Amino acid sequence: MGNTLKLPVGIENFEEIRKNRFYYIDKTRFIEQLVTAGGKVTLFTRPRRFGKTLNMSMLRCFFEIGADASLFEGLYIAENRVLCKEHMGKYPVIFLSLKSVEGRTFEDAGYRMMELIGMEAERFGFLAESEYLSENERNRYKAMVSLHNGANAMDEKILISSLRILSQLLYKHFGQKAVILIDEYDVPLDKAFQNGYYHEMVSLIRGLFGMALKTNDSLAFSVLTGCLRITKESIFTGLNNFKVLSILDVRFDEQFGFTDHEVRKILEDYNLESHLEETKEWYDGYHFGKADIYCPWDVINYVDQLRYDETADPQDFWSNSSGNAIVRRFIDKADVSTKNEIEHLIAGEQIEKEIVPELTYDEVDKNLENLWSVLFTTGYLTHDGRTESGKYRLVIPNREIRNLFIKKIREWFADVTRNDGKVLEELCSAFVNKDADKIEQIFGDYLWNTISIRDTAVAKERKENFYHGILLGLLGYRSNWLIWSNAESGIGYSDILIEVPTNRTGIVIEVKYADDGDLDAACEQALEQIEKKDYVAKLKQDGMKNFIRYGIACFKKMCKVVAV
């Protein structure tokens, strides 16, 4: 039974998963589709953590000479005996994952690339003595793997030609054309853009890919994966045999990520069927081609967590697995119109946008429309169909990503307000002086300039938490105040408690979201709650002498403040 198997958390090696009896969701139909419908050079673009590397590892295990057929026993592809007989274990395979190719300088990143290709070439050490190669060819191989003082000694000219040369040598040795697999092809470009050597890296990769993939008579086929579809003119110049299959393409749409059927099956196998709804709410919602897809990284992590604690709450596994700088960059650049659109998205609504299918990294920041496209292709947004004019109806896919947007908005707001010392001083003084009108004016101005949670798609409690968080961040300006959030006091938990040591003033703040827009009634409700649950009790126990109670009501970008 499945529930006896370990879950492959963070394992992207197909052989390791199969040999060590980890739970595996069968994606081997990908092989059949690739053989029957793939191109000479095929690029698959998918968001990170959607199984790209594992699928590429599977391809290597299947196609590479010396393949272990037992790894595929019981899987879909094993039933296609004709295809297996014709293709399994028939090709020399060059496999590179470029996710580690980075550095502060182009020289550093270039060396990482050199080292990576050199180590892959070392797997074929038999070429150094191959009777099927000439002496010059054997020397060309040795030039790729030679070391100087323990470091790879390949020069840039050899680096550019390395994949082409290696495929030629393998073809001559085996009498069979090579398969080239390149995983995360765009990571070096992303890192280069961030560190200021983008054009140098473009030149390197254009040369490397051009030599290996264009008019290479030693190439059987090639598969590449990445997050972004980089414009053909930038990297893939002259590749007429080049096929791009993005998240919009119906072909291969179920091969990256988990389908609803697959998620139901894994939950059933581990006797966790009761957790389907929260799994769907948190990790479903992506649309690839015509398929509805869950993030596999999230599902595997959550099921693994539930195995040991069935009461465990879902977590932000995907958003916490790497940086989310693109979201913050987007929020930083947002104008009034864009902020309003973000509010609609957080509310669970759709916005309509044109998607640019191809970009270069240096085009990403040129305008906000390009950033919308990047957010879409990298998994921070998904689509819910198209309009008659061809625009995509963009939505936030699930609760995990919605939480990420809210988190980044809070970080952005905190950074923006941190330097606004004069206004924050006025706000804090107004709280001590019981100046409700001033608080209302300043807090209201901040709400108009931030991005709020709005409308009905989000539970009232979560809306209140959002405004609570903003207010808490503003009041944190006074470092000499003692501030508690959701502190136990009286017979309940108050939103915000403040102790002002200089004059022994205790402040109680209760925040309400006025769903019906009646701010006055919400303020009254807040004050009644403060009294009924005796929220000042803790302040009295701590020796405060003066007490101020605030009922604060919010609705979209409006607020009302009442003090007693």
Protein backbone atom coordinates (compact mmCIF):
# COMPACT_ATOMS: atom_id res chain seq x y z
CA MET A 1 0.00 0.00 0.00
CA GLY A 2 1.08 3.53 -0.68
CA ASN A 3 0.92 4.52 2.95
CA THR A 4 3.97 2.36 3.68
CA LEU A 5 6.16 4.27 1.24
CA LYS A 6 8.35 7.23 2.05
CA LEU A 7 7.50 10.52 0.36
CA PRO A 8 10.20 12.04 -1.88
CA VAL A 9 10.43 15.44 -0.21
CA GLY A 10 13.03 17.44 -2.13
CA ILE A 11 14.23 14.41 -4.15
CA GLU A 12 14.49 15.09 -7.89
CA ASN A 13 16.44 11.98 -8.96
CA PHE A 14 14.21 9.42 -10.66
CA GLU A 15 16.55 6.50 -10.05
CA GLU A 16 16.81 7.30 -6.33
CA ILE A 17 13.02 7.50 -5.99
CA ARG A 18 12.44 4.18 -7.73
CA LYS A 19 15.32 2.21 -6.23
CA ASN A 20 14.66 3.39 -2.68
CA ARG A 21 10.89 2.79 -2.92
CA PHE A 22 9.65 6.31 -2.53
CA TYR A 23 6.09 7.14 -3.46
CA TYR A 24 5.97 8.08 -7.14
CA ILE A 25 3.15 9.55 -9.19
CA ASP A 26 3.56 8.04 -12.63
CA LYS A 27 4.52 10.64 -15.25
CA THR A 28 6.08 8.19 -17.73
CA ARG A 29 3.42 8.92 -20.34
CA PHE A 30 5.60 11.99 -20.88
CA ILE A 31 8.13 9.69 -22.58
CA GLU A 32 5.54 8.32 -24.98
CA GLN A 33 4.29 11.80 -25.83
CA LEU A 34 7.83 13.05 -26.38
CA VAL A 35 8.71 10.22 -28.75
CA THR A 36 5.50 10.52 -30.76
CA ALA A 37 4.90 14.30 -30.70
CA GLY A 38 8.09 15.99 -29.54
CA GLY A 39 10.27 18.11 -31.80
CA LYS A 40 13.95 18.00 -32.59
CA VAL A 41 14.47 20.63 -29.89
CA THR A 42 11.65 21.11 -27.37
CA LEU A 43 11.45 23.66 -24.58
CA PHE A 44 8.99 23.18 -21.72
CA THR A 45 8.31 26.25 -19.59
CA ARG A 46 6.73 25.73 -16.20
CA PRO A 47 6.90 27.48 -12.81
CA ARG A 48 9.53 26.33 -10.32
CA ARG A 49 8.79 23.29 -8.17
CA PHE A 50 6.47 21.71 -10.72
CA GLY A 51 8.52 18.58 -11.39
CA LYS A 52 10.71 19.75 -14.28
CA THR A 53 13.96 18.32 -12.90
CA LEU A 54 12.40 14.99 -11.89
CA ASN A 55 10.91 14.57 -15.37
CA MET A 56 14.27 15.33 -16.96
CA SER A 57 15.94 12.79 -14.67
CA MET A 58 13.29 10.27 -15.77
CA LEU A 59 14.09 10.95 -19.44
CA ARG A 60 17.77 10.35 -18.80
CA CYS A 61 17.08 7.08 -16.97
CA PHE A 62 14.91 5.87 -19.84
CA PHE A 63 16.89 6.87 -22.93
CA GLU A 64 20.50 6.51 -21.74
CA ILE A 65 22.58 3.56 -22.89
CA GLY A 66 22.71 1.04 -20.06
CA ALA A 67 19.23 1.97 -18.81
CA ASP A 68 17.85 -0.11 -15.96
CA ALA A 69 14.49 -1.39 -17.19
CA SER A 70 13.49 -2.37 -13.65
CA LEU A 71 13.09 1.32 -12.77
CA PHE A 72 10.05 1.43 -15.03
CA GLU A 73 8.39 -1.81 -13.99
CA GLY A 74 4.72 -1.26 -13.15
CA LEU A 75 4.67 2.18 -14.75
CA TYR A 76 2.65 3.36 -17.75
CA ILE A 77 5.53 3.35 -20.23
CA ALA A 78 6.41 -0.30 -19.55
CA GLU A 79 3.12 -1.30 -21.18
CA ASN A 80 4.29 0.17 -24.48
CA ARG A 81 6.70 -2.66 -25.27
CA VAL A 82 7.30 -1.59 -28.86
CA LEU A 83 8.39 1.90 -27.83
CA CYS A 84 10.54 0.55 -25.00
CA LYS A 85 12.25 -1.92 -27.31
CA GLU A 86 13.00 0.83 -29.84
CA HIS A 87 14.09 3.63 -27.49
CA MET A 88 14.89 2.46 -23.95
CA GLY A 89 18.63 2.47 -23.34
CA LYS A 90 19.44 3.33 -26.94
CA TYR A 91 21.04 6.81 -26.74
CA PRO A 92 24.09 8.47 -25.24
CA VAL A 93 22.60 11.20 -23.03
CA ILE A 94 24.15 14.51 -22.03
CA PHE A 95 22.30 15.88 -19.01
CA LEU A 96 22.88 19.33 -17.52
CA SER A 97 20.98 21.21 -14.84
CA LEU A 98 21.96 24.89 -15.02
CA LYS A 99 20.33 25.85 -11.69
CA SER A 100 23.79 26.15 -10.08
CA VAL A 101 25.27 28.41 -12.79
CA GLU A 102 25.50 31.74 -11.03
CA GLY A 103 28.00 34.15 -9.52
CA ARG A 104 28.59 37.76 -8.62
CA THR A 105 30.61 38.22 -11.82
CA PHE A 106 30.46 36.82 -15.33
CA GLU A 107 33.81 35.14 -14.73
CA ASP A 108 32.43 33.31 -11.69
CA ALA A 109 29.28 32.18 -13.51
CA GLY A 110 31.28 31.24 -16.62
CA TYR A 111 33.50 29.01 -14.53
CA ARG A 112 30.45 27.33 -12.96
CA MET A 113 29.24 26.54 -16.49
CA MET A 114 32.66 25.26 -17.47
CA GLU A 115 32.88 23.10 -14.35
CA LEU A 116 29.38 21.72 -14.86
CA ILE A 117 30.01 20.68 -18.47
CA GLY A 118 33.46 19.34 -17.56
CA MET A 119 31.99 17.11 -14.83
CA GLU A 120 29.31 15.82 -17.19
CA ALA A 121 31.99 15.05 -19.77
CA GLU A 122 33.90 13.10 -17.11
CA ARG A 123 31.03 10.59 -17.00
CA PHE A 124 32.19 9.49 -20.43
CA GLY A 125 35.81 8.81 -19.42
CA PHE A 126 35.99 5.89 -21.87
CA LEU A 127 36.21 8.47 -24.70
CA ALA A 128 39.80 9.24 -23.69
CA GLU A 129 40.83 5.77 -24.88
CA SER A 130 38.07 5.01 -27.39
CA GLU A 131 39.25 3.01 -30.39
CA TYR A 132 36.45 4.59 -32.39
CA LEU A 133 37.99 8.06 -32.10
CA SER A 134 41.05 9.50 -33.74
CA GLU A 135 43.93 10.78 -31.64
CA ASN A 136 42.83 14.36 -32.31
CA GLU A 137 39.29 13.54 -31.21
CA ARG A 138 40.54 11.90 -28.02
CA ASN A 139 42.60 15.02 -27.36
CA ARG A 140 39.57 17.22 -27.89
CA TYR A 141 37.79 15.18 -25.24
CA LYS A 142 40.74 15.51 -22.85
CA ALA A 143 40.68 19.30 -23.33
CA MET A 144 37.15 19.35 -21.87
CA VAL A 145 38.07 17.44 -18.71
CA SER A 146 41.63 18.59 -18.10
CA LEU A 147 42.47 20.24 -14.78
CA HIS A 148 45.03 22.81 -13.72
CA ASN A 149 45.75 23.01 -9.99
CA GLY A 150 42.51 21.13 -9.39
CA ALA A 151 40.39 23.56 -11.43
CA ASN A 152 38.82 22.92 -14.82
CA ALA A 153 41.18 24.27 -17.51
CA MET A 154 38.68 24.51 -20.38
CA ASP A 155 38.97 27.85 -22.17
CA GLU A 156 35.98 29.86 -23.42
CA LYS A 157 36.37 28.79 -27.05
CA ILE A 158 36.22 25.13 -26.06
CA LEU A 159 33.32 25.89 -23.68
CA ILE A 160 31.21 27.33 -26.50
CA SER A 161 31.77 24.21 -28.59
CA SER A 162 31.77 21.70 -25.73
CA LEU A 163 28.26 20.26 -26.02
CA ARG A 164 28.52 19.94 -29.79
CA ILE A 165 31.94 18.28 -29.54
CA LEU A 166 30.80 15.92 -26.80
CA SER A 167 27.73 14.85 -28.79
CA GLN A 168 29.91 14.27 -31.87
CA LEU A 169 32.37 12.12 -29.93
CA LEU A 170 29.57 10.09 -28.34
CA TYR A 171 27.93 9.57 -31.74
CA LYS A 172 31.19 8.34 -33.24
CA HIS A 173 31.88 6.02 -30.29
CA PHE A 174 28.40 4.45 -30.06
CA GLY A 175 27.20 4.87 -33.63
CA GLN A 176 24.06 6.46 -32.18
CA LYS A 177 23.12 10.14 -32.10
CA ALA A 178 23.05 11.82 -28.71
CA VAL A 179 20.20 13.20 -26.62
CA ILE A 180 20.88 16.54 -24.91
CA LEU A 181 18.82 17.39 -21.81
CA ILE A 182 19.20 20.89 -20.34
CA ASP A 183 17.26 21.62 -17.17
CA GLU A 184 16.58 25.17 -15.87
CA TYR A 185 18.15 26.74 -18.92
CA ASP A 186 17.13 30.27 -17.91
CA VAL A 187 18.54 30.32 -14.35
CA PRO A 188 21.97 31.64 -15.49
CA LEU A 189 20.19 34.44 -17.38
CA ASP A 190 18.11 35.39 -14.34
CA LYS A 191 21.19 35.45 -12.08
CA ALA A 192 23.15 37.39 -14.69
CA PHE A 193 20.43 40.01 -14.93
CA GLN A 194 20.38 40.41 -11.16
CA ASN A 195 24.17 40.79 -10.99
CA GLY A 196 24.78 43.03 -13.99
CA TYR A 197 26.34 40.77 -16.61
CA TYR A 198 23.24 39.80 -18.56
CA HIS A 199 24.50 40.53 -22.07
CA GLU A 200 27.72 38.55 -21.51
CA MET A 201 25.70 35.53 -20.35
CA VAL A 202 23.30 35.86 -23.29
CA SER A 203 26.30 35.75 -25.63
CA LEU A 204 27.71 32.65 -23.90
CA ILE A 205 24.45 30.70 -23.90
CA ARG A 206 23.57 31.76 -27.44
CA GLY A 207 26.91 30.38 -28.61
CA LEU A 208 26.67 27.21 -26.50
CA PHE A 209 23.10 26.38 -27.53
CA GLY A 210 23.62 27.43 -31.13
CA MET A 211 26.55 25.06 -31.55
CA ALA A 212 24.84 22.16 -29.79
CA LEU A 213 21.28 22.45 -31.10
CA LYS A 214 21.48 24.06 -34.55
CA THR A 215 22.42 21.86 -37.54
CA ASN A 216 24.14 19.35 -35.26
CA ASP A 217 24.20 16.08 -37.20
CA SER A 218 25.11 14.22 -34.02
CA LEU A 219 21.92 15.24 -32.19
CA ALA A 220 18.98 12.84 -31.96
CA PHE A 221 16.83 15.31 -30.06
CA SER A 222 17.03 17.77 -27.21
CA VAL A 223 14.72 18.76 -24.35
CA LEU A 224 15.06 21.95 -22.34
CA THR A 225 13.12 23.23 -19.34
CA GLY A 226 12.83 26.62 -17.69
CA CYS A 227 10.44 29.10 -16.11
CA LEU A 228 10.49 31.83 -18.75
CA ARG A 229 10.28 31.65 -22.50
CA ILE A 230 13.19 33.84 -23.51
CA THR A 231 12.74 35.48 -26.87
CA LYS A 232 14.09 33.40 -29.73
CA GLU A 233 16.11 36.27 -31.09
CA SER A 234 17.99 36.49 -27.81
CA ILE A 235 19.06 32.88 -27.26
CA PHE A 236 17.73 30.53 -29.90
CA THR A 237 18.63 32.42 -33.06
CA GLY A 238 18.33 30.30 -36.19
CA LEU A 239 16.75 27.28 -34.49
CA ASN A 240 14.10 26.42 -37.06
CA ASN A 241 13.51 23.03 -35.46
CA PHE A 242 12.62 24.62 -32.13
CA LYS A 243 9.29 23.89 -30.40
CA VAL A 244 8.12 25.76 -27.27
CA LEU A 245 5.46 24.17 -25.06
CA SER A 246 4.38 26.62 -22.36
CA ILE A 247 1.71 26.48 -19.68
CA LEU A 248 -0.76 27.64 -22.35
CA ASP A 249 -0.20 24.62 -24.60
CA VAL A 250 -2.63 21.69 -24.36
CA ARG A 251 0.10 19.22 -25.29
CA PHE A 252 1.83 17.64 -22.27
CA ASP A 253 -0.49 19.68 -20.04
CA GLU A 254 -0.76 16.97 -17.34
CA GLN A 255 2.91 16.00 -17.21
CA PHE A 256 4.15 18.77 -14.90
CA GLY A 257 2.32 19.07 -11.60
CA PHE A 258 -0.41 16.84 -10.15
CA THR A 259 -3.93 16.42 -11.48
CA ASP A 260 -6.99 16.24 -9.24
CA HIS A 261 -7.13 12.48 -9.75
CA GLU A 262 -3.49 12.10 -8.71
CA VAL A 263 -3.98 14.20 -5.57
CA ARG A 264 -7.07 12.26 -4.58
CA LYS A 265 -5.08 9.04 -5.06
CA ILE A 266 -2.13 10.10 -2.88
CA LEU A 267 -4.46 11.28 -0.12
CA GLU A 268 -6.39 7.99 -0.34
CA ASP A 269 -3.14 5.97 -0.25
CA TYR A 270 -2.14 7.64 2.99
CA ASN A 271 -5.66 7.54 4.47
CA LEU A 272 -5.92 11.31 4.36
CA GLU A 273 -9.00 11.73 2.14
CA SER A 274 -10.59 14.09 4.67
CA HIS A 275 -7.93 16.70 3.85
CA LEU A 276 -8.85 17.06 0.18
CA GLU A 277 -10.69 20.36 0.52
CA GLU A 278 -7.92 22.27 2.28
CA THR A 279 -5.35 20.72 -0.09
CA LYS A 280 -7.40 22.02 -3.00
CA GLU A 281 -7.91 25.45 -1.40
CA TRP A 282 -4.21 25.93 -0.69
CA TYR A 283 -2.39 24.22 -3.56
CA ASP A 284 -4.75 23.77 -6.54
CA GLY A 285 -5.90 26.37 -9.03
CA TYR A 286 -3.26 26.29 -11.77
CA HIS A 287 -4.40 25.90 -15.37
CA PHE A 288 -1.91 24.34 -17.81
CA GLY A 289 -3.42 23.90 -21.26
CA LYS A 290 -6.80 22.30 -20.52
CA ALA A 291 -5.69 20.65 -17.28
CA ASP A 292 -6.34 21.77 -13.70
CA ILE A 293 -3.08 21.34 -11.79
CA TYR A 294 -1.86 21.28 -8.18
CA CYS A 295 1.65 22.33 -7.22
CA PRO A 296 3.40 18.97 -6.59
CA TRP A 297 5.99 20.40 -4.18
CA ASP A 298 3.20 21.64 -1.92
CA VAL A 299 1.17 18.44 -2.06
CA ILE A 300 4.14 16.18 -1.28
CA ASN A 301 5.22 18.37 1.64
CA TYR A 302 1.72 18.68 3.05
CA VAL A 303 0.97 14.95 2.83
CA ASP A 304 4.32 14.21 4.46
CA GLN A 305 3.42 16.59 7.27
CA LEU A 306 -0.06 15.07 7.71
CA ARG A 307 1.40 11.56 7.97
CA TYR A 308 2.81 12.47 11.37
CA ASP A 309 0.27 15.06 12.46
CA GLU A 310 -3.24 14.88 11.01
CA THR A 311 -4.12 18.18 12.69
CA ALA A 312 -1.33 20.05 10.89
CA ASP A 313 -2.41 23.19 9.06
CA PRO A 314 -1.37 23.85 5.45
CA GLN A 315 1.76 25.95 5.04
CA ASP A 316 3.35 28.14 2.39
CA PHE A 317 5.73 25.46 1.16
CA TRP A 318 6.16 26.75 -2.40
CA SER A 319 6.49 30.44 -1.64
CA ASN A 320 8.99 29.72 1.15
CA SER A 321 11.19 27.44 -0.96
CA SER A 322 13.02 30.28 -2.73
CA GLY A 323 13.02 34.02 -3.21
CA ASN A 324 9.93 35.91 -4.36
CA ALA A 325 11.67 39.08 -5.48
CA ILE A 326 9.49 39.40 -8.58
CA VAL A 327 6.36 40.00 -6.46
CA ARG A 328 8.06 42.67 -4.40
CA ARG A 329 9.48 44.29 -7.56
CA PHE A 330 5.99 44.36 -9.00
CA ILE A 331 4.44 45.94 -5.89
CA ASP A 332 7.25 48.53 -5.75
CA LYS A 333 6.44 49.60 -9.29
CA ALA A 334 2.66 49.57 -8.90
CA ASP A 335 0.79 52.77 -9.71
CA VAL A 336 -2.70 53.60 -8.40
CA SER A 337 -4.40 51.59 -11.13
CA THR A 338 -2.17 48.57 -10.54
CA LYS A 339 -2.73 48.70 -6.77
CA ASN A 340 -6.46 48.59 -7.43
CA GLU A 341 -5.98 45.57 -9.69
CA ILE A 342 -3.97 43.80 -6.99
CA GLU A 343 -6.83 44.43 -4.56
CA HIS A 344 -9.25 42.81 -7.00
CA LEU A 345 -6.95 39.78 -7.33
CA ILE A 346 -6.58 39.37 -3.56
CA ALA A 347 -10.36 39.54 -3.33
CA GLY A 348 -10.59 36.50 -5.59
CA GLU A 349 -11.65 38.47 -8.65
CA GLN A 350 -10.31 38.45 -12.21
CA ILE A 351 -8.43 41.06 -14.14
CA GLU A 352 -7.96 41.08 -17.90
CA LYS A 353 -4.45 41.36 -19.33
CA GLU A 354 -2.56 40.70 -22.53
CA ILE A 355 0.24 38.19 -22.01
CA VAL A 356 3.58 38.66 -23.74
CA PRO A 357 4.71 35.09 -24.54
CA GLU A 358 8.37 35.94 -25.11
CA LEU A 359 10.53 38.33 -23.12
CA THR A 360 14.15 39.04 -22.45
CA TYR A 361 15.18 39.67 -18.88
CA ASP A 362 16.17 43.24 -19.65
CA GLU A 363 12.63 43.86 -20.95
CA VAL A 364 10.91 42.64 -17.77
CA ASP A 365 11.21 45.93 -15.89
CA LYS A 366 10.44 48.19 -18.84
CA ASN A 367 6.74 48.35 -18.09
CA LEU A 368 4.18 46.85 -15.74
CA GLU A 369 2.51 44.89 -18.52
CA ASN A 370 5.66 42.80 -18.88
CA LEU A 371 5.68 42.13 -15.14
CA TRP A 372 2.10 40.85 -15.36
CA SER A 373 3.32 38.37 -17.97
CA VAL A 374 6.21 37.22 -15.77
CA LEU A 375 3.94 36.75 -12.76
CA PHE A 376 1.72 34.60 -14.95
CA THR A 377 4.43 32.41 -16.46
CA THR A 378 6.21 31.88 -13.14
CA GLY A 379 3.13 30.66 -11.26
CA TYR A 380 2.14 33.66 -9.15
CA LEU A 381 -0.95 34.09 -11.29
CA THR A 382 -2.94 31.72 -13.45
CA HIS A 383 -5.75 32.21 -15.94
CA ASP A 384 -9.44 31.45 -16.07
CA GLY A 385 -9.98 31.60 -19.80
CA ARG A 386 -9.74 34.36 -22.40
CA THR A 387 -11.87 37.25 -23.52
CA GLU A 388 -13.19 37.69 -27.05
CA SER A 389 -10.38 40.16 -27.67
CA GLY A 390 -7.75 37.58 -26.70
CA LYS A 391 -6.86 38.92 -23.26
CA TYR A 392 -6.37 36.47 -20.39
CA ARG A 393 -8.54 36.53 -17.29
CA LEU A 394 -5.86 36.42 -14.61
CA VAL A 395 -6.50 35.19 -11.06
CA ILE A 396 -4.47 34.25 -7.99
CA PRO A 397 -4.46 30.44 -8.10
CA ASN A 398 -4.87 29.54 -4.44
CA ARG A 399 -4.65 30.55 -0.82
CA GLU A 400 -0.90 29.98 -0.59
CA ILE A 401 -0.17 32.54 -3.30
CA ARG A 402 -2.77 34.95 -1.93
CA ASN A 403 -0.96 34.81 1.43
CA LEU A 404 2.31 35.53 -0.35
CA PHE A 405 0.91 38.67 -1.98
CA ILE A 406 -0.44 39.85 1.38
CA LYS A 407 2.92 39.18 3.05
CA LYS A 408 4.82 41.14 0.40
CA ILE A 409 2.31 44.00 0.60
CA ARG A 410 2.89 44.22 4.34
CA GLU A 411 6.67 44.21 3.84
CA TRP A 412 6.36 46.94 1.23
CA PHE A 413 4.08 49.01 3.43
CA ALA A 414 6.44 48.66 6.39
CA ASP A 415 9.38 49.82 4.30
CA VAL A 416 7.44 52.75 2.86
CA THR A 417 6.21 53.97 6.24
CA ARG A 418 9.45 53.37 8.13
CA ASN A 419 10.96 56.54 6.69
CA ASP A 420 7.87 58.66 7.27
CA GLY A 421 8.93 59.67 10.78
CA LYS A 422 7.11 62.98 11.08
CA VAL A 423 3.70 61.56 10.20
CA LEU A 424 4.20 58.48 12.36
CA GLU A 425 5.11 60.73 15.28
CA GLU A 426 1.85 62.64 14.77
CA LEU A 427 -0.12 59.39 14.65
CA CYS A 428 1.39 57.99 17.84
CA SER A 429 0.88 61.30 19.66
CA ALA A 430 -2.76 61.34 18.56
CA PHE A 431 -3.31 57.95 20.19
CA VAL A 432 -1.93 59.25 23.51
CA ASN A 433 -3.87 62.51 23.20
CA LYS A 434 -7.16 60.74 22.46
CA ASP A 435 -7.42 62.61 19.17
CA ALA A 436 -9.69 60.30 17.19
CA ASP A 437 -10.10 62.71 14.27
CA LYS A 438 -6.33 62.95 13.76
CA ILE A 439 -5.94 59.18 13.93
CA GLU A 440 -8.73 58.76 11.43
CA GLN A 441 -7.16 61.27 9.05
CA ILE A 442 -3.63 59.82 9.17
CA PHE A 443 -4.66 56.16 9.17
CA GLY A 444 -7.15 56.86 6.37
CA ASP A 445 -4.41 58.48 4.27
CA TYR A 446 -2.24 55.39 4.69
CA LEU A 447 -5.09 53.14 3.64
CA TRP A 448 -5.60 55.13 0.47
CA ASN A 449 -1.92 54.74 -0.39
CA THR A 450 -1.59 51.05 0.35
CA ILE A 451 -3.16 47.91 -1.07
CA SER A 452 -6.02 46.54 0.98
CA ILE A 453 -7.98 43.31 1.29
CA ARG A 454 -11.47 43.99 0.04
CA ASP A 455 -14.89 42.61 -0.77
CA THR A 456 -16.36 39.20 -0.02
CA ALA A 457 -13.88 36.60 -1.21
CA VAL A 458 -11.83 36.77 1.97
CA ALA A 459 -13.24 35.91 5.39
CA LYS A 460 -14.06 38.86 7.66
CA GLU A 461 -11.52 37.71 10.23
CA ARG A 462 -8.71 37.78 7.67
CA LYS A 463 -9.71 41.28 6.54
CA GLU A 464 -9.60 42.47 10.12
CA ASN A 465 -6.20 40.84 10.54
CA PHE A 466 -4.93 42.75 7.52
CA TYR A 467 -5.93 46.17 8.89
CA HIS A 468 -4.78 45.08 12.33
CA GLY A 469 -1.36 44.29 10.85
CA ILE A 470 -1.05 47.66 9.11
CA LEU A 471 -1.97 49.56 12.28
CA LEU A 472 0.41 47.47 14.36
CA GLY A 473 3.22 48.26 11.95
CA LEU A 474 2.55 51.99 12.18
CA LEU A 475 2.43 52.03 15.98
CA GLY A 476 5.67 50.08 16.15
CA TYR A 477 7.41 53.37 15.32
CA ARG A 478 7.51 54.17 19.05
CA SER A 479 10.28 51.92 20.28
CA ASN A 480 9.73 52.90 23.94
CA TRP A 481 6.11 51.69 23.95
CA LEU A 482 5.16 48.19 25.04
CA ILE A 483 2.83 46.79 22.38
CA TRP A 484 1.00 43.43 22.38
CA SER A 485 -0.96 41.90 19.55
CA ASN A 486 -3.80 39.47 20.33
CA ALA A 487 -2.80 39.46 24.00
CA GLU A 488 -4.87 37.66 26.61
CA SER A 489 -6.63 40.20 28.79
CA GLY A 490 -9.79 39.96 30.84
CA ILE A 491 -11.90 37.16 29.40
CA GLY A 492 -10.60 37.27 25.85
CA TYR A 493 -7.86 38.37 23.49
CA SER A 494 -7.61 42.02 22.56
CA ASP A 495 -6.43 43.13 19.12
CA ILE A 496 -3.81 45.62 20.33
CA LEU A 497 -2.70 46.61 23.85
CA ILE A 498 -0.26 49.50 24.41
CA GLU A 499 1.52 50.65 27.54
CA VAL A 500 3.04 54.15 27.42
CA PRO A 501 5.55 54.19 30.33
CA THR A 502 6.15 57.97 30.39
CA ASN A 503 2.65 58.79 31.67
CA ARG A 504 1.45 55.28 32.55
CA THR A 505 -1.24 55.37 29.89
CA GLY A 506 -2.83 52.12 28.77
CA ILE A 507 -4.42 51.95 25.30
CA VAL A 508 -6.81 49.27 24.03
CA ILE A 509 -7.55 49.03 20.29
CA GLU A 510 -10.19 46.80 18.76
CA VAL A 511 -10.34 46.63 14.95
CA LYS A 512 -13.49 45.66 13.07
CA TYR A 513 -14.24 45.22 9.37
CA ALA A 514 -17.60 46.72 8.43
CA ASP A 515 -18.90 44.27 5.84
CA ASP A 516 -22.00 46.35 5.25
CA GLY A 517 -20.12 49.66 5.16
CA ASP A 518 -21.68 50.86 8.46
CA LEU A 519 -18.51 52.16 10.12
CA ASP A 520 -20.33 53.76 13.06
CA ALA A 521 -22.02 50.49 14.04
CA ALA A 522 -18.74 48.59 13.73
CA CYS A 523 -16.97 51.09 16.01
CA GLU A 524 -19.75 50.75 18.57
CA GLN A 525 -19.46 46.97 18.40
CA ALA A 526 -15.70 47.21 18.96
CA LEU A 527 -16.09 49.41 22.05
CA GLU A 528 -18.79 47.15 23.46
CA GLN A 529 -16.46 44.18 23.06
CA ILE A 530 -13.66 46.00 24.90
CA GLU A 531 -15.99 46.63 27.84
CA LYS A 532 -17.73 43.27 27.85
CA LYS A 533 -14.46 41.31 27.82
CA ASP A 534 -12.63 43.72 30.13
CA TYR A 535 -9.61 44.14 27.85
CA VAL A 536 -8.13 46.80 30.16
CA ALA A 537 -7.55 44.16 32.85
CA LYS A 538 -3.97 43.41 31.85
CA LEU A 539 -3.13 47.11 31.65
CA LYS A 540 -4.45 47.62 35.19
CA GLN A 541 -2.44 44.66 36.44
CA ASP A 542 0.69 46.20 34.89
CA GLY A 543 0.20 49.45 36.82
CA MET A 544 -1.25 51.73 34.16
CA LYS A 545 -3.28 54.64 35.56
CA ASN A 546 -4.88 56.25 32.52
CA PHE A 547 -6.93 54.26 30.00
CA ILE A 548 -8.05 55.03 26.46
CA ARG A 549 -10.26 52.69 24.46
CA TYR A 550 -10.41 52.84 20.65
CA GLY A 551 -12.94 51.25 18.35
CA ILE A 552 -11.59 51.35 14.79
CA ALA A 553 -13.72 50.28 11.86
CA CYS A 554 -12.47 49.73 8.30
CA PHE A 555 -14.24 49.18 5.01
CA LYS A 556 -12.12 48.91 1.86
CA LYS A 557 -10.03 52.11 2.07
CA MET A 558 -12.23 53.96 4.55
CA CYS A 559 -11.89 54.03 8.31
CA LYS A 560 -13.67 55.41 11.36
CA VAL A 561 -12.11 55.95 14.79
CA VAL A 562 -14.03 56.40 18.05
CA ALA A 563 -12.32 56.92 21.42
CA VAL A 564 -13.69 56.68 24.96
